[in-house]
Amino acid sequence: MNHNMFDGIAAMEFLNSWAETARGLPLSVPPFLDRTLLRPRTPPKIEFPHNEFEDLEDISGTGKLYSDEKLVYKSFLFGPEKLERLKIMAETRSTTFQTLTGFLWRARCQALGLKPDQRIKLLFAADGRSRFVPELPKGYSGNGIVFTYCVTTAGEVTLNPLSHSVCLVKRAVEMVNDGFMRSAIDYFEVTRARPSLTATLLITSWAKLSFHTKDFGWGEPVVSGPVGLPEKEVILFLPCGSDTKSINVLLGLPGSAMKVFQGIMDI
């Protein structure tokens, strides 16, 4: 399935409908196919700065590091006790996603040895279904997400306590509303820009997507997940089967950076 067709939630609902059809069951969530709900406005109104598309300069030599060293891929399990320790370390009220994202962003900057004045960007998708006015109908089949972002310097993230990076993530979540999302739709319509990934971390979360429960008639799958990561700048959050309280984190880094990153994960 191509991302042009579905976001994660719509893809999950499509697979669930497919599995229900294979078992001769009625669809529990019939698809809502009218995508004109999210068409650009006429004329377009770009009402927010969209720095998620900003192209940053690599002054830390990260590109050379990636080209000189072999990429090492690892997954890290964050169980409920480890996630709770992270929240205590963050010293601020935050969700599991916000805390874990802030922690991983900071750890990755440290592992890559980014210069303090290196401008960096964090991107992640926010589900807009309940944030649009009016809300998108149940079963909306398409992309109901929008990229939100933080742009700062590596020093701001690495030289401050974890609470600082977590608060940056919280602000990025809080700025996503109907106005911001419709401005982003119009911005893309006018520019056809793609977010630049230089000096960027892109977080993608499948942690709440229940791909592992799909039953086509021969039982639920033993395990589910991607074949690989789409870009080297991506960190993917995955569910741990039926364990809804744990998150599996998958990423790739140059070998030397992965050694540092692995040490930071030991909390």
C-alpha atoms as a PDB file:
ATOM      1  CA  MET A   1       0.000   0.000   0.000  1.00  0.00           C
ATOM      2  CA  ASN A   2       1.312   3.406  -0.977  1.00  0.00           C
ATOM      3  CA  HIS A   3       1.202   6.261   1.536  1.00  0.00           C
ATOM      4  CA  ASN A   4      -0.497   8.382  -1.146  1.00  0.00           C
ATOM      5  CA  MET A   5      -3.554   6.196  -0.575  1.00  0.00           C
ATOM      6  CA  PHE A   6      -3.649   5.747   3.191  1.00  0.00           C
ATOM      7  CA  ASP A   7      -2.178   6.891   6.449  1.00  0.00           C
ATOM      8  CA  GLY A   8      -1.513   4.303   9.154  1.00  0.00           C
ATOM      9  CA  ILE A   9      -5.022   4.315  10.607  1.00  0.00           C
ATOM     10  CA  ALA A  10      -6.696   4.010   7.195  1.00  0.00           C
ATOM     11  CA  ALA A  11      -4.271   1.226   6.216  1.00  0.00           C
ATOM     12  CA  MET A  12      -5.084  -0.644   9.424  1.00  0.00           C
ATOM     13  CA  GLU A  13      -8.825  -0.269   8.790  1.00  0.00           C
ATOM     14  CA  PHE A  14      -8.388  -1.428   5.167  1.00  0.00           C
ATOM     15  CA  LEU A  15      -6.563  -4.583   6.277  1.00  0.00           C
ATOM     16  CA  ASN A  16      -9.180  -5.194   8.949  1.00  0.00           C
ATOM     17  CA  SER A  17     -11.976  -4.865   6.354  1.00  0.00           C
ATOM     18  CA  TRP A  18     -10.113  -7.211   4.010  1.00  0.00           C
ATOM     19  CA  ALA A  19      -9.747  -9.780   6.793  1.00  0.00           C
ATOM     20  CA  GLU A  20     -13.434  -9.457   7.741  1.00  0.00           C
ATOM     21  CA  THR A  21     -14.445  -9.952   4.094  1.00  0.00           C
ATOM     22  CA  ALA A  22     -12.216 -13.039   3.857  1.00  0.00           C
ATOM     23  CA  ARG A  23     -14.041 -14.499   6.871  1.00  0.00           C
ATOM     24  CA  GLY A  24     -17.477 -13.645   5.457  1.00  0.00           C
ATOM     25  CA  LEU A  25     -18.196 -10.969   8.058  1.00  0.00           C
ATOM     26  CA  PRO A  26     -19.793  -7.540   7.583  1.00  0.00           C
ATOM     27  CA  LEU A  27     -17.426  -4.565   7.755  1.00  0.00           C
ATOM     28  CA  SER A  28     -17.148  -3.207  11.288  1.00  0.00           C
ATOM     29  CA  VAL A  29     -15.889   0.151   9.937  1.00  0.00           C
ATOM     30  CA  PRO A  30     -17.166   0.835   6.388  1.00  0.00           C
ATOM     31  CA  PRO A  31     -14.784   3.137   4.491  1.00  0.00           C
ATOM     32  CA  PHE A  32     -15.685   6.805   4.036  1.00  0.00           C
ATOM     33  CA  LEU A  33     -14.322   7.618   0.583  1.00  0.00           C
ATOM     34  CA  ASP A  34     -15.077  11.332   0.091  1.00  0.00           C
ATOM     35  CA  ARG A  35     -11.636  12.951   0.147  1.00  0.00           C
ATOM     36  CA  THR A  36     -12.926  16.368  -0.884  1.00  0.00           C
ATOM     37  CA  LEU A  37     -13.176  17.099   2.848  1.00  0.00           C
ATOM     38  CA  LEU A  38      -9.435  17.842   2.801  1.00  0.00           C
ATOM     39  CA  ARG A  39      -9.118  19.545  -0.558  1.00  0.00           C
ATOM     40  CA  PRO A  40      -7.173  22.844  -0.693  1.00  0.00           C
ATOM     41  CA  ARG A  41      -9.086  26.074  -0.230  1.00  0.00           C
ATOM     42  CA  THR A  42      -9.771  28.453  -3.129  1.00  0.00           C
ATOM     43  CA  PRO A  43      -7.796  30.615  -3.052  1.00  0.00           C
ATOM     44  CA  PRO A  44      -5.150  28.910  -0.883  1.00  0.00           C
ATOM     45  CA  LYS A  45      -4.516  30.565   2.503  1.00  0.00           C
ATOM     46  CA  ILE A  46      -1.083  29.926   4.027  1.00  0.00           C
ATOM     47  CA  GLU A  47      -1.581  31.254   7.547  1.00  0.00           C
ATOM     48  CA  PHE A  48       1.286  29.613   9.441  1.00  0.00           C
ATOM     49  CA  PRO A  49       5.049  29.305   8.954  1.00  0.00           C
ATOM     50  CA  HIS A  50       5.674  25.783   7.677  1.00  0.00           C
ATOM     51  CA  ASN A  51       9.210  25.158   8.838  1.00  0.00           C
ATOM     52  CA  GLU A  52       8.638  21.426   8.477  1.00  0.00           C
ATOM     53  CA  PHE A  53       9.710  22.029   4.872  1.00  0.00           C
ATOM     54  CA  GLU A  54      12.798  24.101   5.775  1.00  0.00           C
ATOM     55  CA  ASP A  55      16.093  22.926   4.256  1.00  0.00           C
ATOM     56  CA  LEU A  56      18.834  22.906   6.916  1.00  0.00           C
ATOM     57  CA  GLU A  57      22.584  22.981   6.334  1.00  0.00           C
ATOM     58  CA  ASP A  58      24.682  20.051   7.552  1.00  0.00           C
ATOM     59  CA  ILE A  59      27.586  21.747   9.367  1.00  0.00           C
ATOM     60  CA  SER A  60      28.396  18.689  11.504  1.00  0.00           C
ATOM     61  CA  GLY A  61      29.548  16.360   8.726  1.00  0.00           C
ATOM     62  CA  THR A  62      26.700  13.934   9.379  1.00  0.00           C
ATOM     63  CA  GLY A  63      26.262  13.170   5.690  1.00  0.00           C
ATOM     64  CA  LYS A  64      29.927  12.141   5.433  1.00  0.00           C
ATOM     65  CA  LEU A  65      29.569   9.945   8.525  1.00  0.00           C
ATOM     66  CA  TYR A  66      26.634   8.134   6.935  1.00  0.00           C
ATOM     67  CA  SER A  67      28.519   7.628   3.668  1.00  0.00           C
ATOM     68  CA  ASP A  68      31.795   6.512   5.326  1.00  0.00           C
ATOM     69  CA  GLU A  69      30.351   3.969   7.764  1.00  0.00           C
ATOM     70  CA  LYS A  70      28.045   1.004   7.407  1.00  0.00           C
ATOM     71  CA  LEU A  71      24.563   1.531   8.780  1.00  0.00           C
ATOM     72  CA  VAL A  72      23.732  -0.645  11.770  1.00  0.00           C
ATOM     73  CA  TYR A  73      20.060  -1.351  12.475  1.00  0.00           C
ATOM     74  CA  LYS A  74      18.858  -2.221  15.962  1.00  0.00           C
ATOM     75  CA  SER A  75      15.621  -2.373  17.883  1.00  0.00           C
ATOM     76  CA  PHE A  76      15.238  -1.350  21.514  1.00  0.00           C
ATOM     77  CA  LEU A  77      12.417  -2.540  23.743  1.00  0.00           C
ATOM     78  CA  PHE A  78      10.851   0.002  26.082  1.00  0.00           C
ATOM     79  CA  GLY A  79       8.688  -1.857  28.562  1.00  0.00           C
ATOM     80  CA  PRO A  80       6.318  -0.192  31.046  1.00  0.00           C
ATOM     81  CA  GLU A  81       8.949   0.102  33.798  1.00  0.00           C
ATOM     82  CA  LYS A  82      11.496   1.722  31.473  1.00  0.00           C
ATOM     83  CA  LEU A  83       8.881   4.104  30.081  1.00  0.00           C
ATOM     84  CA  GLU A  84       7.897   5.084  33.614  1.00  0.00           C
ATOM     85  CA  ARG A  85      11.551   5.792  34.478  1.00  0.00           C
ATOM     86  CA  LEU A  86      11.747   8.036  31.420  1.00  0.00           C
ATOM     87  CA  LYS A  87       8.715  10.010  32.568  1.00  0.00           C
ATOM     88  CA  ILE A  88      10.332  10.512  35.967  1.00  0.00           C
ATOM     89  CA  MET A  89      13.540  11.681  34.263  1.00  0.00           C
ATOM     90  CA  ALA A  90      11.551  14.122  32.105  1.00  0.00           C
ATOM     91  CA  GLU A  91      10.235  15.929  35.211  1.00  0.00           C
ATOM     92  CA  THR A  92       7.198  17.225  33.313  1.00  0.00           C
ATOM     93  CA  ARG A  93       3.664  16.032  32.617  1.00  0.00           C
ATOM     94  CA  SER A  94       3.789  14.399  29.214  1.00  0.00           C
ATOM     95  CA  THR A  95       2.450  11.462  27.252  1.00  0.00           C
ATOM     96  CA  THR A  96       4.466   8.328  26.591  1.00  0.00           C
ATOM     97  CA  PHE A  97       4.944   9.409  22.960  1.00  0.00           C
ATOM     98  CA  GLN A  98       6.158  12.888  23.928  1.00  0.00           C
ATOM     99  CA  THR A  99       8.585  11.575  26.548  1.00  0.00           C
ATOM    100  CA  LEU A 100      10.024   8.803  24.387  1.00  0.00           C
ATOM    101  CA  THR A 101      10.330  11.084  21.346  1.00  0.00           C
ATOM    102  CA  GLY A 102      12.159  13.767  23.338  1.00  0.00           C
ATOM    103  CA  PHE A 103      14.501  11.160  24.810  1.00  0.00           C
ATOM    104  CA  LEU A 104      15.330   9.539  21.456  1.00  0.00           C
ATOM    105  CA  TRP A 105      15.808  12.889  19.694  1.00  0.00           C
ATOM    106  CA  ARG A 106      18.281  13.972  22.357  1.00  0.00           C
ATOM    107  CA  ALA A 107      20.082  10.605  22.333  1.00  0.00           C
ATOM    108  CA  ARG A 108      20.419  10.594  18.543  1.00  0.00           C
ATOM    109  CA  CYS A 109      21.889  14.118  18.525  1.00  0.00           C
ATOM    110  CA  GLN A 110      24.424  13.030  21.156  1.00  0.00           C
ATOM    111  CA  ALA A 111      25.288   9.814  19.322  1.00  0.00           C
ATOM    112  CA  LEU A 112      25.895  11.634  16.029  1.00  0.00           C
ATOM    113  CA  GLY A 113      28.121  14.203  17.754  1.00  0.00           C
ATOM    114  CA  LEU A 114      26.256  17.177  16.298  1.00  0.00           C
ATOM    115  CA  LYS A 115      27.831  20.598  16.789  1.00  0.00           C
ATOM    116  CA  PRO A 116      25.991  22.775  19.340  1.00  0.00           C
ATOM    117  CA  ASP A 117      25.131  25.377  16.674  1.00  0.00           C
ATOM    118  CA  GLN A 118      23.873  22.773  14.194  1.00  0.00           C
ATOM    119  CA  ARG A 119      20.271  23.628  13.321  1.00  0.00           C
ATOM    120  CA  ILE A 120      18.166  20.497  13.626  1.00  0.00           C
ATOM    121  CA  LYS A 121      14.589  19.505  12.979  1.00  0.00           C
ATOM    122  CA  LEU A 122      12.220  16.960  14.460  1.00  0.00           C
ATOM    123  CA  LEU A 123       9.285  15.817  12.325  1.00  0.00           C
ATOM    124  CA  PHE A 124       6.423  13.560  13.286  1.00  0.00           C
ATOM    125  CA  ALA A 125       2.909  12.907  12.061  1.00  0.00           C
ATOM    126  CA  ALA A 126      -0.052  14.034  14.142  1.00  0.00           C
ATOM    127  CA  ASP A 127      -3.437  12.406  13.617  1.00  0.00           C
ATOM    128  CA  GLY A 128      -5.788  15.163  12.516  1.00  0.00           C
ATOM    129  CA  ARG A 129      -9.028  13.172  12.494  1.00  0.00           C
ATOM    130  CA  SER A 130     -10.324  14.641  15.755  1.00  0.00           C
ATOM    131  CA  ARG A 131      -8.588  18.003  15.283  1.00  0.00           C
ATOM    132  CA  PHE A 132     -10.274  19.080  12.054  1.00  0.00           C
ATOM    133  CA  VAL A 133     -13.419  21.200  12.346  1.00  0.00           C
ATOM    134  CA  PRO A 134     -15.676  19.375  11.820  1.00  0.00           C
ATOM    135  CA  GLU A 135     -13.972  16.103  12.740  1.00  0.00           C
ATOM    136  CA  LEU A 136     -13.329  13.628   9.937  1.00  0.00           C
ATOM    137  CA  PRO A 137     -16.002  10.907   9.735  1.00  0.00           C
ATOM    138  CA  LYS A 138     -15.302   7.484  11.189  1.00  0.00           C
ATOM    139  CA  GLY A 139     -13.671   5.267   8.574  1.00  0.00           C
ATOM    140  CA  TYR A 140     -12.180   8.184   6.609  1.00  0.00           C
ATOM    141  CA  SER A 141     -10.070   6.434   3.969  1.00  0.00           C
ATOM    142  CA  GLY A 142      -7.074   8.571   3.092  1.00  0.00           C
ATOM    143  CA  ASN A 143      -4.441  10.660   4.816  1.00  0.00           C
ATOM    144  CA  GLY A 144      -5.828  12.373   7.893  1.00  0.00           C
ATOM    145  CA  ILE A 145      -2.390  13.221   9.262  1.00  0.00           C
ATOM    146  CA  VAL A 146      -0.190  16.293   9.133  1.00  0.00           C
ATOM    147  CA  PHE A 147       3.504  16.722   9.875  1.00  0.00           C
ATOM    148  CA  THR A 148       4.293  18.877  12.857  1.00  0.00           C
ATOM    149  CA  TYR A 149       7.794  19.940  13.801  1.00  0.00           C
ATOM    150  CA  CYS A 150      10.397  21.449  16.113  1.00  0.00           C
ATOM    151  CA  VAL A 151      13.323  23.428  14.707  1.00  0.00           C
ATOM    152  CA  THR A 152      16.119  24.343  17.108  1.00  0.00           C
ATOM    153  CA  THR A 153      19.862  23.784  17.600  1.00  0.00           C
ATOM    154  CA  ALA A 154      21.566  20.586  18.687  1.00  0.00           C
ATOM    155  CA  GLY A 155      22.980  22.428  21.695  1.00  0.00           C
ATOM    156  CA  GLU A 156      19.478  23.358  22.859  1.00  0.00           C
ATOM    157  CA  VAL A 157      18.588  19.668  22.891  1.00  0.00           C
ATOM    158  CA  THR A 158      21.812  18.048  24.142  1.00  0.00           C
ATOM    159  CA  LEU A 159      22.998  20.654  26.668  1.00  0.00           C
ATOM    160  CA  ASN A 160      19.658  21.030  28.421  1.00  0.00           C
ATOM    161  CA  PRO A 161      17.917  18.420  30.582  1.00  0.00           C
ATOM    162  CA  LEU A 162      15.525  15.919  29.046  1.00  0.00           C
ATOM    163  CA  SER A 163      12.572  18.048  30.154  1.00  0.00           C
ATOM    164  CA  HIS A 164      13.557  20.704  27.599  1.00  0.00           C
ATOM    165  CA  SER A 165      13.354  18.418  24.555  1.00  0.00           C
ATOM    166  CA  VAL A 166      10.127  16.851  25.858  1.00  0.00           C
ATOM    167  CA  CYS A 167       8.583  20.326  26.180  1.00  0.00           C
ATOM    168  CA  LEU A 168       9.585  21.093  22.580  1.00  0.00           C
ATOM    169  CA  VAL A 169       7.748  17.956  21.468  1.00  0.00           C
ATOM    170  CA  LYS A 170       4.689  18.948  23.526  1.00  0.00           C
ATOM    171  CA  ARG A 171       4.593  22.377  21.862  1.00  0.00           C
ATOM    172  CA  ALA A 172       4.749  20.744  18.431  1.00  0.00           C
ATOM    173  CA  VAL A 173       1.733  18.597  19.325  1.00  0.00           C
ATOM    174  CA  GLU A 174      -0.210  21.532  20.766  1.00  0.00           C
ATOM    175  CA  MET A 175       0.137  23.717  17.668  1.00  0.00           C
ATOM    176  CA  VAL A 176      -1.735  21.188  15.508  1.00  0.00           C
ATOM    177  CA  ASN A 177      -5.280  22.478  15.048  1.00  0.00           C
ATOM    178  CA  ASP A 178      -7.719  22.912  12.177  1.00  0.00           C
ATOM    179  CA  GLY A 179      -6.124  26.184  11.034  1.00  0.00           C
ATOM    180  CA  PHE A 180      -2.587  24.779  11.027  1.00  0.00           C
ATOM    181  CA  MET A 181      -3.586  21.630   9.150  1.00  0.00           C
ATOM    182  CA  ARG A 182      -5.584  23.436   6.462  1.00  0.00           C
ATOM    183  CA  SER A 183      -2.716  25.907   6.055  1.00  0.00           C
ATOM    184  CA  ALA A 184      -0.370  22.932   5.544  1.00  0.00           C
ATOM    185  CA  ILE A 185      -2.710  21.483   2.887  1.00  0.00           C
ATOM    186  CA  ASP A 186      -2.728  24.821   1.056  1.00  0.00           C
ATOM    187  CA  TYR A 187       1.042  25.210   1.416  1.00  0.00           C
ATOM    188  CA  PHE A 188       1.592  21.835  -0.210  1.00  0.00           C
ATOM    189  CA  GLU A 189      -0.890  22.633  -2.979  1.00  0.00           C
ATOM    190  CA  VAL A 190       1.005  25.845  -3.811  1.00  0.00           C
ATOM    191  CA  THR A 191       4.587  24.571  -3.444  1.00  0.00           C
ATOM    192  CA  ARG A 192       4.401  20.761  -3.909  1.00  0.00           C
ATOM    193  CA  ALA A 193       7.337  20.729  -1.491  1.00  0.00           C
ATOM    194  CA  ARG A 194       8.600  17.655   0.328  1.00  0.00           C
ATOM    195  CA  PRO A 195      10.039  18.014   3.827  1.00  0.00           C
ATOM    196  CA  SER A 196      13.842  18.087   3.692  1.00  0.00           C
ATOM    197  CA  LEU A 197      15.490  15.446   5.898  1.00  0.00           C
ATOM    198  CA  THR A 198      18.939  17.061   6.226  1.00  0.00           C
ATOM    199  CA  ALA A 199      19.757  17.383   9.967  1.00  0.00           C
ATOM    200  CA  THR A 200      16.307  15.934  10.639  1.00  0.00           C
ATOM    201  CA  LEU A 201      14.827  13.111  12.682  1.00  0.00           C
ATOM    202  CA  LEU A 202      11.484  11.751  11.475  1.00  0.00           C
ATOM    203  CA  ILE A 203       9.497   9.786  14.040  1.00  0.00           C
ATOM    204  CA  THR A 204       6.825   7.405  12.771  1.00  0.00           C
ATOM    205  CA  SER A 205       4.646   5.610  15.287  1.00  0.00           C
ATOM    206  CA  TRP A 206       2.814   2.361  14.627  1.00  0.00           C
ATOM    207  CA  ALA A 207       2.625   1.691  18.363  1.00  0.00           C
ATOM    208  CA  LYS A 208      -1.173   1.969  18.491  1.00  0.00           C
ATOM    209  CA  LEU A 209      -1.858   0.314  15.137  1.00  0.00           C
ATOM    210  CA  SER A 210      -3.094  -3.237  15.657  1.00  0.00           C
ATOM    211  CA  PHE A 211      -1.744  -4.872  12.492  1.00  0.00           C
ATOM    212  CA  HIS A 212      -0.984  -7.974  14.566  1.00  0.00           C
ATOM    213  CA  THR A 213      -4.688  -8.719  15.173  1.00  0.00           C
ATOM    214  CA  LYS A 214      -5.716  -9.252  11.537  1.00  0.00           C
ATOM    215  CA  ASP A 215      -7.286 -12.687  11.029  1.00  0.00           C
ATOM    216  CA  PHE A 216      -7.888 -13.795   7.425  1.00  0.00           C
ATOM    217  CA  GLY A 217      -9.364 -17.087   8.564  1.00  0.00           C
ATOM    218  CA  TRP A 218      -6.295 -18.978   9.740  1.00  0.00           C
ATOM    219  CA  GLY A 219      -5.659 -17.145  13.002  1.00  0.00           C
ATOM    220  CA  GLU A 220      -3.874 -13.981  14.060  1.00  0.00           C
ATOM    221  CA  PRO A 221      -0.294 -13.348  12.855  1.00  0.00           C
ATOM    222  CA  VAL A 222       2.594 -14.251  15.134  1.00  0.00           C
ATOM    223  CA  VAL A 223       4.433 -11.008  14.386  1.00  0.00           C
ATOM    224  CA  SER A 224       3.981  -7.964  12.167  1.00  0.00           C
ATOM    225  CA  GLY A 225       6.245  -5.113  11.105  1.00  0.00           C
ATOM    226  CA  PRO A 226       7.932  -3.374   8.189  1.00  0.00           C
ATOM    227  CA  VAL A 227      10.465  -4.986   5.873  1.00  0.00           C
ATOM    228  CA  GLY A 228      12.792  -2.019   6.453  1.00  0.00           C
ATOM    229  CA  LEU A 229      12.913   1.691   7.198  1.00  0.00           C
ATOM    230  CA  PRO A 230      12.041   4.065   4.344  1.00  0.00           C
ATOM    231  CA  GLU A 231      14.838   6.568   5.109  1.00  0.00           C
ATOM    232  CA  LYS A 232      17.958   6.593   7.293  1.00  0.00           C
ATOM    233  CA  GLU A 233      16.537   9.567   9.233  1.00  0.00           C
ATOM    234  CA  VAL A 234      13.501   7.575  10.418  1.00  0.00           C
ATOM    235  CA  ILE A 235      12.869   6.076  13.845  1.00  0.00           C
ATOM    236  CA  LEU A 236       9.876   3.749  13.954  1.00  0.00           C
ATOM    237  CA  PHE A 237       7.794   2.933  17.033  1.00  0.00           C
ATOM    238  CA  LEU A 238       6.286  -0.561  16.796  1.00  0.00           C
ATOM    239  CA  PRO A 239       3.807  -2.431  18.991  1.00  0.00           C
ATOM    240  CA  CYS A 240       4.984  -5.546  20.792  1.00  0.00           C
ATOM    241  CA  GLY A 241       2.277  -7.954  19.708  1.00  0.00           C
ATOM    242  CA  SER A 242      -0.474  -8.184  22.302  1.00  0.00           C
ATOM    243  CA  ASP A 243       1.644  -6.310  24.873  1.00  0.00           C
ATOM    244  CA  THR A 244      -0.030  -2.903  24.648  1.00  0.00           C
ATOM    245  CA  LYS A 245       2.160  -1.313  27.330  1.00  0.00           C
ATOM    246  CA  SER A 246       5.519  -1.774  25.564  1.00  0.00           C
ATOM    247  CA  ILE A 247       7.045  -0.072  22.524  1.00  0.00           C
ATOM    248  CA  ASN A 248       9.710  -1.466  20.220  1.00  0.00           C
ATOM    249  CA  VAL A 249      11.948   1.252  18.738  1.00  0.00           C
ATOM    250  CA  LEU A 250      13.621   0.530  15.383  1.00  0.00           C
ATOM    251  CA  LEU A 251      16.340   2.714  13.839  1.00  0.00           C
ATOM    252  CA  GLY A 252      19.585   2.701  11.893  1.00  0.00           C
ATOM    253  CA  LEU A 253      22.771   4.671  12.608  1.00  0.00           C
ATOM    254  CA  PRO A 254      26.398   4.618  11.456  1.00  0.00           C
ATOM    255  CA  GLY A 255      28.297   1.972  13.431  1.00  0.00           C
ATOM    256  CA  SER A 256      30.228   4.375  15.675  1.00  0.00           C
ATOM    257  CA  ALA A 257      27.105   6.389  16.467  1.00  0.00           C
ATOM    258  CA  MET A 258      25.099   3.248  17.219  1.00  0.00           C
ATOM    259  CA  LYS A 259      27.623   2.234  19.897  1.00  0.00           C
ATOM    260  CA  VAL A 260      27.117   5.571  21.649  1.00  0.00           C
ATOM    261  CA  PHE A 261      23.348   5.429  21.182  1.00  0.00           C
ATOM    262  CA  GLN A 262      23.161   1.916  22.609  1.00  0.00           C
ATOM    263  CA  GLY A 263      24.936   3.089  25.754  1.00  0.00           C
ATOM    264  CA  ILE A 264      22.458   5.943  26.226  1.00  0.00           C
ATOM    265  CA  MET A 265      19.548   3.481  25.998  1.00  0.00           C
ATOM    266  CA  ASP A 266      20.730   1.755  29.182  1.00  0.00           C
ATOM    267  CA  ILE A 267      18.677   3.686  31.727  1.00  0.00           C
END
